Amino acid sequence: MRTVLSTLDRKTFNGVATRHWPGADRVLPKLSRAADHGLLWLGSAAAAASFGGRPARRAALRGVASLAVASLTVNTLAKRSVRRERPLLDAVPVIRQLTKQPFTTSFPSGHAASAVAFTTGVAFENKWWGLALAPVTAAVAFSRVYTGVHYPGDVLAGAALGAGAAFAVRGLAPTRSQMAPPARPRADAPALPGGDGLFVVTNQGSGQRTGAHSDQTDVIHGVLPEAEVTECGHQGAVPLDKALEAAAERAAERGGALGVLGGDGTINAAAAVAERHGVPLAVLPGGTHNHFAYDLGVETIAEAARAVETGEAVAVDLARFRPGVGEESTQFLNTFSIGAYPELVRIREEWAGKIGAWPAGVLAAWRVLRSAEPVSVEVNGRRRELWTLFVGNCAYRGLGSAPVRRHDLADGVLDVRMVHGGRLARTRLLTAAVTGALRHSPVLSEARLRTLRIGGLAPGTDLAYDGEIAPAARELTIDKANEALIVYRLLPE
C-alpha cells in the first residue's frame, strides 16, 4: 500500500510539473516565497488587529496561535520522524523554481500546515473570513507542488496537521460560539422597531483621547432610524449627567428605553440613571476597552440594535460602594480597586491625550512599578498591607490580580483578589506568574463574597471604579444589588 501511494504521489507531481498553467508562473512562485516563515499570515493578522475591531483581533489571535502550534509540530516532530527527500527538479521548468531551495526534508509541507492552520483558526471565529482566505490558502499549498519543492502527499499531510493544530487550539481556548449560554436570567423589555422609543445619549469623547471626535449619530440612525440621539462630550453640548436624566425621563414616559454610546465610565453613569428610573438600558460600545459591553456579549452597535428591535434582554447585577450604612452609594458595573491601580489609571489618563492610550498605559505601568508602595487597609476587620485590592462585579475568568473576562453578569458575588505587600512581594508575584504557579502564590489571595468591608484608609487614598478615579472615604462597604438592571442583549437560540 505504501508503495502504491508513493507511486501515485510521484505521478501526480510529474503531471503538475509537465502541465502548462496559464498565468501561474508570475504568481505562484511569488506567493510561495511570501508565505516563508508564515510572514504572509502574520502580516494578515497584524493588519486585521490594527484596522479591524475586536472580532477581527480575536480571529487574528486564534489564527496566529494555530499557526504557531502547527509550525512547532511540523518542525520538531513530523520532519524528524519522516525524512523524505525533496522531489527532483528535472521535470520542473526553471521559471517556476524557487531562487532559494529549502534544505529541510520534504514531509510534511510546513507552508501548507501554516496556511491551513491560520485559515481554519480564523474560520472558527468567523466562517466568512475563513472562506475569504480559503482561495489564498489553497494557492499557497498548491504553489509548493507547482514550484517543485513538495510532493502532493507532503502538502496533504501538512494541511491535515494544520487543521489538527487549529482544532487543538480550539480545544484549549473555546471560541465564543462554543461557550455555553450564560446563566443570566432573561428579562422583559419592550421591543422597539426602528428604535422608536429609544433615547440615546452619546459621549463623543469616549475612545477618542487623541485626534478629532467621531460623530456616531449617523451610525446609530443607520440601524435605528427612529431613535432620538443627544450628543455630549464636546464644547457647547449638554452635560452628560443632565442628558442622561432627561433621556431616562422621556423613556419612562414613553415606555421605552435609555440608550448610551460610550466607554465603561459613561455606561456606568447611564446604568445608575436607568436603574433609578426603572427603564431598560441599551449599551452601544463606543469606548476604548468596552469591558462591560463585551462581557455582556454586545460587540457592535448593530448587535445592540437587533436586540432593541426584538426586545431581547437580560438582568444583570450592580455592585456598589458606600461610606456607611444609610449613606448614598456609588455603583460600578465592572471593577473597583484600591492600591497601585488607581495611580496607574491617573497617570494613564494624564498622558493619554498627549501620546495615545496604549503608550500612556505602558508609561503608567512603568511609573507605578517603580514608585508604588503598599497600602495599609482593614479588610473585613483584618489589617493588611496590600499592593492592590481588586473587587469585580461577578466572578472573573483568568488567574491573578488582573483577570480579564466574565461569563455571568448575574451570579450574585463579588470577585475579591488581593496582592499582598511584604518583602520581595513584587518579585515573588512576577516569578509566580512566569512559572504558572500564580494561583498558589502566597502573595495573591482570592475570595468570592457578597459583602466586603474596608476600613482604616489613610487620608488622600484614591480608589478606582470602571476607569474613574475618586478619593476614598476612611470606611467603605461594598455589596451588590442582584439582577437590578435590565440590559438589551441578543439571546442564544
Protein backbone atom coordinates (compact mmCIF):
# COMPACT_ATOMS: atom_id res chain seq x y z
CA MET A 1 0.00 0.00 0.00
CA ARG A 2 2.81 2.37 0.87
CA THR A 3 4.46 1.68 -2.50
CA VAL A 4 1.19 2.33 -4.34
CA LEU A 5 0.69 5.67 -2.56
CA SER A 6 4.29 6.71 -3.20
CA THR A 7 3.97 5.87 -6.89
CA LEU A 8 0.72 7.79 -7.20
CA ASP A 9 2.31 10.74 -5.38
CA ARG A 10 5.22 10.89 -7.82
CA LYS A 11 2.97 10.53 -10.88
CA THR A 12 0.78 13.40 -9.67
CA PHE A 13 3.87 15.54 -9.05
CA ASN A 14 5.16 14.84 -12.56
CA GLY A 15 1.73 15.62 -14.02
CA VAL A 16 1.74 19.05 -12.35
CA ALA A 17 5.35 19.69 -13.42
CA THR A 18 4.77 18.90 -17.09
CA ARG A 19 1.45 20.71 -17.47
CA HIS A 20 1.22 24.33 -18.57
CA TRP A 21 -0.69 26.55 -16.12
CA PRO A 22 -1.54 29.91 -17.80
CA GLY A 23 -0.52 32.91 -15.65
CA ALA A 24 0.72 30.80 -12.75
CA ASP A 25 4.42 31.37 -13.48
CA ARG A 26 4.11 35.03 -12.46
CA VAL A 27 2.01 34.47 -9.34
CA LEU A 28 2.61 31.17 -7.58
CA PRO A 29 6.41 31.37 -7.03
CA LYS A 30 5.99 34.86 -5.52
CA LEU A 31 3.10 33.70 -3.37
CA SER A 32 5.12 30.72 -2.16
CA ARG A 33 8.01 32.99 -1.13
CA ALA A 34 5.61 35.43 0.58
CA ALA A 35 4.46 32.58 2.82
CA ASP A 36 8.01 31.76 4.01
CA HIS A 37 8.19 31.61 7.82
CA GLY A 38 4.46 32.40 7.95
CA LEU A 39 5.06 36.05 7.01
CA LEU A 40 2.01 36.23 4.72
CA TRP A 41 -0.27 35.10 7.53
CA LEU A 42 1.42 37.12 10.26
CA GLY A 43 1.08 40.21 8.09
CA SER A 44 -2.60 39.48 7.54
CA ALA A 45 -3.08 39.06 11.28
CA ALA A 46 -1.28 42.33 12.02
CA ALA A 47 -3.47 44.20 9.52
CA ALA A 48 -6.65 42.70 10.99
CA ALA A 49 -5.57 43.55 14.54
CA SER A 50 -4.69 47.12 13.57
CA PHE A 51 -7.67 48.04 11.43
CA GLY A 52 -10.38 45.60 12.47
CA GLY A 53 -12.50 45.60 15.57
CA ARG A 54 -12.46 43.21 18.49
CA PRO A 55 -13.81 40.25 16.46
CA ALA A 56 -11.02 40.73 13.90
CA ARG A 57 -8.38 40.86 16.64
CA ARG A 58 -9.78 37.71 18.20
CA ALA A 59 -9.75 35.91 14.84
CA ALA A 60 -6.19 37.08 14.15
CA LEU A 61 -5.01 35.86 17.55
CA ARG A 62 -6.60 32.45 17.08
CA GLY A 63 -5.13 32.16 13.59
CA VAL A 64 -1.62 33.01 14.79
CA ALA A 65 -1.89 30.62 17.75
CA SER A 66 -2.97 27.81 15.41
CA LEU A 67 -0.12 28.62 13.04
CA ALA A 68 2.39 28.52 15.90
CA VAL A 69 1.18 25.10 17.07
CA ALA A 70 1.27 23.74 13.50
CA SER A 71 4.76 25.10 12.83
CA LEU A 72 6.08 23.71 16.10
CA THR A 73 4.60 20.27 15.36
CA VAL A 74 5.94 20.13 11.81
CA ASN A 75 9.46 21.28 12.62
CA THR A 76 10.04 19.36 15.86
CA LEU A 77 8.20 16.07 15.30
CA ALA A 78 6.95 15.44 11.79
CA LYS A 79 10.02 16.32 9.74
CA ARG A 80 12.30 14.40 12.09
CA SER A 81 10.07 11.33 12.03
CA VAL A 82 9.71 11.03 8.23
CA ARG A 83 12.93 12.01 6.45
CA ARG A 84 11.63 12.11 2.90
CA GLU A 85 13.89 13.56 0.21
CA ARG A 86 12.75 16.58 -1.79
CA PRO A 87 11.48 15.93 -5.35
CA LEU A 88 13.94 16.05 -8.22
CA LEU A 89 13.55 19.24 -10.24
CA ASP A 90 14.32 17.74 -13.64
CA ALA A 91 10.72 17.94 -14.83
CA VAL A 92 10.00 21.38 -13.29
CA PRO A 93 10.54 24.36 -15.65
CA VAL A 94 13.28 26.68 -14.39
CA ILE A 95 10.95 29.68 -14.41
CA ARG A 96 8.86 28.02 -11.68
CA GLN A 97 11.72 27.00 -9.41
CA LEU A 98 12.43 28.99 -6.27
CA THR A 99 15.64 31.02 -6.19
CA LYS A 100 16.45 29.68 -2.75
CA GLN A 101 15.67 25.99 -2.37
CA PRO A 102 14.64 24.65 1.07
CA PHE A 103 17.16 22.38 2.79
CA THR A 104 14.85 20.54 5.21
CA THR A 105 13.16 17.22 4.49
CA SER A 106 10.08 17.14 2.30
CA PHE A 107 7.40 15.54 4.51
CA PRO A 108 5.18 17.25 5.54
CA SER A 109 4.79 20.71 3.97
CA GLY A 110 5.26 23.40 6.60
CA HIS A 111 3.81 26.04 4.30
CA ALA A 112 0.61 24.03 3.84
CA ALA A 113 0.38 23.36 7.57
CA SER A 114 0.76 27.05 8.45
CA ALA A 115 -1.69 28.18 5.79
CA VAL A 116 -4.43 25.73 6.74
CA ALA A 117 -3.86 26.26 10.48
CA PHE A 118 -4.19 30.03 10.19
CA THR A 119 -7.24 29.92 7.93
CA THR A 120 -9.00 27.25 9.99
CA GLY A 121 -8.34 29.20 13.18
CA VAL A 122 -9.81 32.34 11.62
CA ALA A 123 -12.80 30.38 10.32
CA PHE A 124 -13.58 29.12 13.83
CA GLU A 125 -14.13 32.75 14.83
CA ASN A 126 -15.84 33.86 11.61
CA LYS A 127 -16.66 31.40 8.82
CA TRP A 128 -16.94 34.13 6.19
CA TRP A 129 -13.43 35.41 6.87
CA GLY A 130 -12.21 31.83 6.67
CA LEU A 131 -13.92 31.37 3.32
CA ALA A 132 -12.33 34.59 2.05
CA LEU A 133 -8.88 33.25 2.97
CA ALA A 134 -9.51 29.77 1.54
CA PRO A 135 -8.50 30.56 -2.08
CA VAL A 136 -5.21 32.09 -0.92
CA THR A 137 -4.59 29.11 1.34
CA ALA A 138 -5.24 26.67 -1.50
CA ALA A 139 -2.96 28.66 -3.80
CA VAL A 140 -0.11 28.64 -1.26
CA ALA A 141 -0.49 24.88 -0.75
CA PHE A 142 -0.57 24.20 -4.50
CA SER A 143 2.40 26.51 -5.09
CA ARG A 144 4.61 24.13 -3.11
CA VAL A 145 3.93 21.38 -5.66
CA TYR A 146 4.00 23.80 -8.59
CA THR A 147 7.48 25.10 -7.70
CA GLY A 148 8.77 21.57 -7.22
CA VAL A 149 9.65 21.66 -3.51
CA HIS A 150 6.99 19.17 -2.29
CA TYR A 151 5.10 16.14 -3.42
CA PRO A 152 1.27 16.39 -3.28
CA GLY A 153 1.26 13.94 -0.36
CA ASP A 154 3.51 16.28 1.62
CA VAL A 155 1.02 19.10 1.09
CA LEU A 156 -1.98 16.99 2.07
CA ALA A 157 -0.23 15.79 5.23
CA GLY A 158 0.74 19.37 6.11
CA ALA A 159 -2.83 20.54 5.57
CA ALA A 160 -4.12 17.80 7.88
CA LEU A 161 -1.60 18.77 10.57
CA GLY A 162 -2.57 22.43 10.20
CA ALA A 163 -6.25 21.68 10.62
CA GLY A 164 -5.45 19.48 13.62
CA ALA A 165 -3.45 22.30 15.20
CA ALA A 166 -6.40 24.68 14.84
CA PHE A 167 -8.73 22.12 16.43
CA ALA A 168 -6.24 21.63 19.28
CA VAL A 169 -6.13 25.37 19.95
CA ARG A 170 -9.93 25.49 19.91
CA GLY A 171 -9.99 22.67 22.45
CA LEU A 172 -7.75 24.64 24.80
CA ALA A 173 -9.37 28.02 24.13
CA PRO A 174 -13.01 27.59 23.08
CA THR A 175 -14.50 30.10 20.67
CA ARG A 176 -17.31 32.38 21.67
CA SER A 177 -19.83 30.19 19.81
CA GLN A 178 -18.63 27.09 21.70
CA MET A 179 -19.13 28.54 25.14
CA ALA A 180 -22.27 27.52 26.94
CA PRO A 181 -25.02 30.16 27.03
CA PRO A 182 -24.50 32.38 30.08
CA ALA A 183 -26.65 31.77 33.13
CA ARG A 184 -28.01 35.29 33.05
CA PRO A 185 -31.78 35.45 33.60
CA ARG A 186 -33.90 36.64 30.71
CA ALA A 187 -35.83 39.81 31.39
CA ASP A 188 -38.81 41.61 29.91
CA ALA A 189 -38.00 44.66 27.82
CA PRO A 190 -40.05 46.47 25.19
CA ALA A 191 -39.37 45.71 21.54
CA LEU A 192 -38.65 49.00 19.79
CA PRO A 193 -38.79 48.54 15.99
CA GLY A 194 -36.50 51.01 14.29
CA GLY A 195 -35.54 52.33 17.71
CA ASP A 196 -38.90 54.08 18.22
CA GLY A 197 -38.96 54.90 21.94
CA LEU A 198 -35.20 54.61 22.41
CA PHE A 199 -33.48 57.74 23.71
CA VAL A 200 -29.73 57.52 23.15
CA VAL A 201 -27.06 59.68 24.79
CA THR A 202 -23.65 59.58 23.09
CA ASN A 203 -20.40 60.60 24.73
CA GLN A 204 -18.35 61.76 21.75
CA GLY A 205 -15.23 61.89 23.91
CA SER A 206 -15.25 58.17 24.68
CA GLY A 207 -12.49 56.27 22.93
CA GLN A 208 -11.18 59.48 21.38
CA ARG A 209 -8.35 60.67 23.59
CA THR A 210 -6.38 61.90 20.61
CA GLY A 211 -7.49 63.35 17.30
CA ALA A 212 -10.90 64.60 16.26
CA HIS A 213 -14.05 63.28 17.91
CA SER A 214 -16.08 60.99 15.67
CA ASP A 215 -19.81 61.59 15.27
CA GLN A 216 -21.70 58.35 15.79
CA THR A 217 -25.18 59.80 15.30
CA ASP A 218 -25.35 58.74 11.65
CA VAL A 219 -24.13 55.26 12.59
CA ILE A 220 -26.92 54.91 15.16
CA HIS A 221 -29.57 56.21 12.77
CA GLY A 222 -28.30 53.80 10.14
CA VAL A 223 -29.50 50.85 12.25
CA LEU A 224 -32.12 52.56 14.47
CA PRO A 225 -33.61 55.35 12.34
CA GLU A 226 -36.38 56.23 14.82
CA ALA A 227 -34.11 56.60 17.85
CA GLU A 228 -33.64 60.06 19.36
CA VAL A 229 -29.97 60.91 19.89
CA THR A 230 -28.42 63.50 22.20
CA GLU A 231 -24.73 64.27 21.78
CA CYS A 232 -22.45 65.04 24.73
CA GLY A 233 -18.71 65.29 25.22
CA HIS A 234 -17.90 68.29 23.07
CA GLN A 235 -17.91 72.06 23.59
CA GLY A 236 -21.37 73.54 23.91
CA ALA A 237 -23.09 70.18 24.39
CA VAL A 238 -25.45 69.29 27.22
CA PRO A 239 -23.54 67.85 30.23
CA LEU A 240 -23.62 64.07 30.32
CA ASP A 241 -25.44 63.73 33.65
CA LYS A 242 -28.23 66.11 32.61
CA ALA A 243 -28.58 64.47 29.20
CA LEU A 244 -28.91 61.02 30.79
CA GLU A 245 -31.55 62.22 33.27
CA ALA A 246 -33.60 63.89 30.54
CA ALA A 247 -33.37 60.87 28.23
CA ALA A 248 -34.34 58.44 31.01
CA GLU A 249 -37.34 60.58 31.99
CA ARG A 250 -38.60 60.59 28.40
CA ALA A 251 -38.01 56.86 28.10
CA ALA A 252 -40.06 56.24 31.25
CA GLU A 253 -42.89 58.42 29.95
CA ARG A 254 -42.95 56.60 26.58
CA GLY A 255 -42.49 53.11 28.00
CA GLY A 256 -39.25 52.91 26.04
CA ALA A 257 -35.59 52.58 26.94
CA LEU A 258 -32.43 54.56 27.60
CA GLY A 259 -29.53 54.05 25.22
CA VAL A 260 -25.92 55.02 25.76
CA LEU A 261 -22.89 55.08 23.49
CA GLY A 262 -19.54 55.41 25.22
CA GLY A 263 -16.92 53.69 27.31
CA ASP A 264 -17.24 51.91 30.63
CA GLY A 265 -17.38 55.10 32.71
CA THR A 266 -20.17 56.52 30.55
CA ILE A 267 -22.09 53.24 30.58
CA ASN A 268 -21.75 53.02 34.36
CA ALA A 269 -23.26 56.51 34.72
CA ALA A 270 -26.11 55.56 32.39
CA ALA A 271 -26.75 52.32 34.29
CA ALA A 272 -27.29 54.23 37.54
CA VAL A 273 -29.80 56.53 35.85
CA ALA A 274 -31.61 53.66 34.10
CA GLU A 275 -31.91 51.68 37.32
CA ARG A 276 -33.22 54.71 39.21
CA HIS A 277 -35.90 55.44 36.58
CA GLY A 278 -36.76 51.77 36.07
CA VAL A 279 -36.08 51.67 32.32
CA PRO A 280 -34.06 49.14 30.30
CA LEU A 281 -30.61 50.11 29.07
CA ALA A 282 -29.27 49.65 25.53
CA VAL A 283 -25.45 49.55 25.55
CA LEU A 284 -23.76 50.72 22.34
CA PRO A 285 -20.00 50.10 22.60
CA GLY A 286 -18.05 53.26 21.82
CA GLY A 287 -15.14 53.43 24.24
CA THR A 288 -11.53 52.32 24.31
CA HIS A 289 -11.98 48.97 26.05
CA ASN A 290 -15.77 48.37 26.31
CA HIS A 291 -15.33 45.74 29.04
CA PHE A 292 -18.97 45.66 30.14
CA ALA A 293 -20.37 45.58 26.61
CA TYR A 294 -18.09 42.73 25.55
CA ASP A 295 -18.75 40.69 28.71
CA LEU A 296 -22.44 41.26 28.08
CA GLY A 297 -21.97 39.88 24.58
CA VAL A 298 -22.56 43.11 22.66
CA GLU A 299 -19.60 43.80 20.39
CA THR A 300 -21.13 46.12 17.79
CA ILE A 301 -23.79 48.80 17.54
CA ALA A 302 -25.61 46.59 15.04
CA GLU A 303 -25.87 43.75 17.59
CA ALA A 304 -27.31 46.12 20.18
CA ALA A 305 -29.78 47.43 17.60
CA ARG A 306 -31.10 43.95 16.77
CA ALA A 307 -31.68 43.24 20.46
CA VAL A 308 -33.54 46.55 20.89
CA GLU A 309 -35.80 45.83 17.92
CA THR A 310 -36.65 42.31 19.09
CA GLY A 311 -36.90 43.13 22.81
CA GLU A 312 -34.31 40.55 23.88
CA ALA A 313 -32.81 41.42 27.27
CA VAL A 314 -31.21 40.07 30.44
CA ALA A 315 -30.99 41.17 34.06
CA VAL A 316 -27.52 41.96 35.43
CA ASP A 317 -26.08 42.69 38.86
CA LEU A 318 -24.99 46.12 40.05
CA ALA A 319 -22.13 46.36 42.54
CA ARG A 320 -21.90 49.42 44.80
CA PHE A 321 -19.77 51.00 47.49
CA ARG A 322 -20.78 53.49 50.18
CA PRO A 323 -19.08 55.21 53.14
CA GLY A 324 -21.55 53.96 55.74
CA VAL A 325 -24.98 52.50 56.43
CA GLY A 326 -27.73 54.71 55.06
CA GLU A 327 -25.38 56.90 53.06
CA GLU A 328 -25.54 57.35 49.32
CA SER A 329 -23.81 54.63 47.34
CA THR A 330 -21.80 54.72 44.12
CA GLN A 331 -22.22 51.80 41.78
CA PHE A 332 -19.87 50.04 39.39
CA LEU A 333 -20.51 47.56 36.60
CA ASN A 334 -17.01 46.14 36.24
CA THR A 335 -14.30 46.64 38.85
CA PHE A 336 -13.31 48.53 41.99
CA SER A 337 -9.75 48.79 43.27
CA ILE A 338 -7.50 50.43 45.84
CA GLY A 339 -3.72 50.50 45.72
CA ALA A 340 -1.45 50.65 42.70
CA TYR A 341 -4.19 50.50 40.06
CA PRO A 342 -5.81 53.90 40.78
CA GLU A 343 -2.41 55.55 40.40
CA LEU A 344 -1.89 53.69 37.13
CA VAL A 345 -5.25 54.97 35.84
CA ARG A 346 -4.45 58.54 36.92
CA ILE A 347 -1.11 58.59 35.08
CA ARG A 348 -2.60 56.90 32.03
CA GLU A 349 -5.39 59.46 31.73
CA GLU A 350 -2.96 62.32 32.25
CA TRP A 351 -0.84 61.23 29.27
CA ALA A 352 -3.43 59.58 27.01
CA GLY A 353 -4.46 62.83 25.35
CA LYS A 354 -0.85 63.63 24.51
CA ILE A 355 0.65 60.33 23.35
CA GLY A 356 -2.28 57.95 22.87
CA ALA A 357 -3.95 55.36 25.09
CA TRP A 358 -1.60 52.42 24.58
CA PRO A 359 1.73 54.32 25.06
CA ALA A 360 0.19 56.08 28.06
CA GLY A 361 -0.71 52.70 29.59
CA VAL A 362 2.87 51.46 29.15
CA LEU A 363 4.27 54.65 30.70
CA ALA A 364 1.83 54.43 33.61
CA ALA A 365 2.69 50.79 34.34
CA TRP A 366 6.43 51.59 34.31
CA ARG A 367 5.98 54.55 36.66
CA VAL A 368 3.78 52.60 39.07
CA LEU A 369 6.10 49.58 39.23
CA ARG A 370 8.99 51.87 40.12
CA SER A 371 7.29 54.03 42.72
CA ALA A 372 4.23 52.26 44.16
CA GLU A 373 4.12 51.41 47.87
CA PRO A 374 1.75 49.04 49.68
CA VAL A 375 -1.45 50.46 51.16
CA SER A 376 -2.41 49.72 54.74
CA VAL A 377 -6.08 48.70 54.86
CA GLU A 378 -8.50 46.73 57.02
CA VAL A 379 -10.36 44.07 55.02
CA ASN A 380 -13.36 42.63 56.88
CA GLY A 381 -11.76 43.75 60.14
CA ARG A 382 -8.27 42.40 59.47
CA ARG A 383 -5.33 44.77 58.90
CA ARG A 384 -3.35 44.05 55.73
CA GLU A 385 -0.56 45.60 53.70
CA LEU A 386 -1.61 45.38 50.05
CA TRP A 387 -0.22 46.41 46.70
CA THR A 388 -3.69 46.13 45.21
CA LEU A 389 -7.19 45.25 46.34
CA PHE A 390 -9.35 44.26 43.35
CA VAL A 391 -13.12 43.76 43.55
CA GLY A 392 -15.02 42.57 40.49
CA ASN A 393 -18.75 42.75 39.90
CA CYS A 394 -19.35 38.99 39.39
CA ALA A 395 -16.68 36.31 39.05
CA TYR A 396 -13.94 36.97 36.52
CA ARG A 397 -12.18 34.32 34.48
CA GLY A 398 -8.41 34.20 34.45
CA LEU A 399 -5.77 33.98 37.14
CA GLY A 400 -4.04 36.65 39.13
CA SER A 401 -4.61 40.23 40.11
CA ALA A 402 -5.72 41.30 36.61
CA PRO A 403 -8.47 38.89 35.44
CA VAL A 404 -9.93 39.60 32.04
CA ARG A 405 -13.45 38.29 31.32
CA ARG A 406 -16.75 37.38 32.96
CA HIS A 407 -19.14 34.73 31.76
CA ASP A 408 -22.10 35.51 34.02
CA LEU A 409 -23.16 39.05 34.94
CA ALA A 410 -25.80 37.94 37.44
CA ASP A 411 -24.06 35.46 39.75
CA GLY A 412 -24.61 37.45 42.96
CA VAL A 413 -20.96 37.52 44.08
CA LEU A 414 -18.04 39.92 44.38
CA ASP A 415 -14.73 38.64 43.00
CA VAL A 416 -12.14 39.80 45.57
CA ARG A 417 -8.40 39.50 44.84
CA MET A 418 -5.60 40.89 46.98
CA VAL A 419 -1.89 41.26 46.13
CA HIS A 420 -0.12 41.31 49.49
CA GLY A 421 2.83 43.51 50.33
CA GLY A 422 5.91 42.47 52.23
CA ARG A 423 9.50 41.58 51.46
CA LEU A 424 10.14 40.93 47.74
CA ALA A 425 6.39 40.80 47.07
CA ARG A 426 6.65 42.19 43.56
CA THR A 427 9.46 39.80 42.65
CA ARG A 428 7.60 36.82 44.10
CA LEU A 429 4.41 37.72 42.27
CA LEU A 430 6.23 38.12 38.95
CA THR A 431 8.04 34.81 39.46
CA ALA A 432 4.77 33.05 40.21
CA ALA A 433 3.19 34.49 37.06
CA VAL A 434 6.10 33.42 34.88
CA THR A 435 6.22 29.88 36.30
CA GLY A 436 2.46 29.38 36.07
CA ALA A 437 2.03 29.00 39.84
CA LEU A 438 0.13 32.25 40.32
CA ARG A 439 -2.96 30.74 41.91
CA HIS A 440 -0.81 29.05 44.56
CA SER A 441 1.39 32.07 45.30
CA PRO A 442 1.16 33.31 48.92
CA VAL A 443 1.38 36.86 47.52
CA LEU A 444 -2.08 36.52 45.97
CA SER A 445 -5.34 35.62 47.70
CA GLU A 446 -8.82 35.29 46.20
CA ALA A 447 -12.37 35.02 47.54
CA ARG A 448 -15.96 35.13 46.34
CA LEU A 449 -18.03 37.26 48.73
CA ARG A 450 -21.38 39.01 48.85
CA THR A 451 -20.25 41.87 51.08
CA LEU A 452 -16.85 43.41 51.76
CA ARG A 453 -15.93 45.94 54.46
CA ILE A 454 -12.89 48.14 54.01
CA GLY A 455 -11.55 50.41 56.74
CA GLY A 456 -8.57 52.25 58.14
CA LEU A 457 -7.72 54.04 54.90
CA ALA A 458 -5.33 56.95 55.21
CA PRO A 459 -6.44 60.41 54.07
CA GLY A 460 -5.57 61.01 50.44
CA THR A 461 -6.07 57.39 49.39
CA ASP A 462 -7.68 57.07 45.97
CA LEU A 463 -9.95 54.39 44.59
CA ALA A 464 -10.76 53.45 41.01
CA TYR A 465 -14.03 52.13 39.62
CA ASP A 466 -14.81 51.45 35.95
CA GLY A 467 -11.86 53.58 34.88
CA GLU A 468 -12.83 56.56 37.07
CA ILE A 469 -10.76 57.91 39.99
CA ALA A 470 -12.22 59.24 43.25
CA PRO A 471 -10.98 59.93 46.80
CA ALA A 472 -11.74 57.08 49.18
CA ALA A 473 -13.58 57.51 52.46
CA ARG A 474 -11.92 56.09 55.56
CA GLU A 475 -14.56 53.32 55.80
CA LEU A 476 -16.31 51.64 52.86
CA THR A 477 -18.82 48.85 52.41
CA ILE A 478 -19.11 47.06 49.07
CA ASP A 479 -22.14 44.94 48.26
CA LYS A 480 -24.46 44.11 45.37
CA ALA A 481 -27.95 44.69 44.05
CA ASN A 482 -28.68 41.39 42.33
CA GLU A 483 -30.37 41.47 38.89
CA ALA A 484 -31.11 45.15 39.40
CA LEU A 485 -30.61 46.36 35.83
CA ILE A 486 -32.26 45.19 32.59
CA VAL A 487 -29.97 45.39 29.56
CA TYR A 488 -30.67 44.59 25.92
CA ARG A 489 -28.71 41.65 24.56
CA LEU A 490 -29.28 39.08 21.81
CA LEU A 491 -30.14 35.77 23.46
CA PRO A 492 -28.87 32.32 22.41
CA GLU A 493 -31.34 30.40 20.32
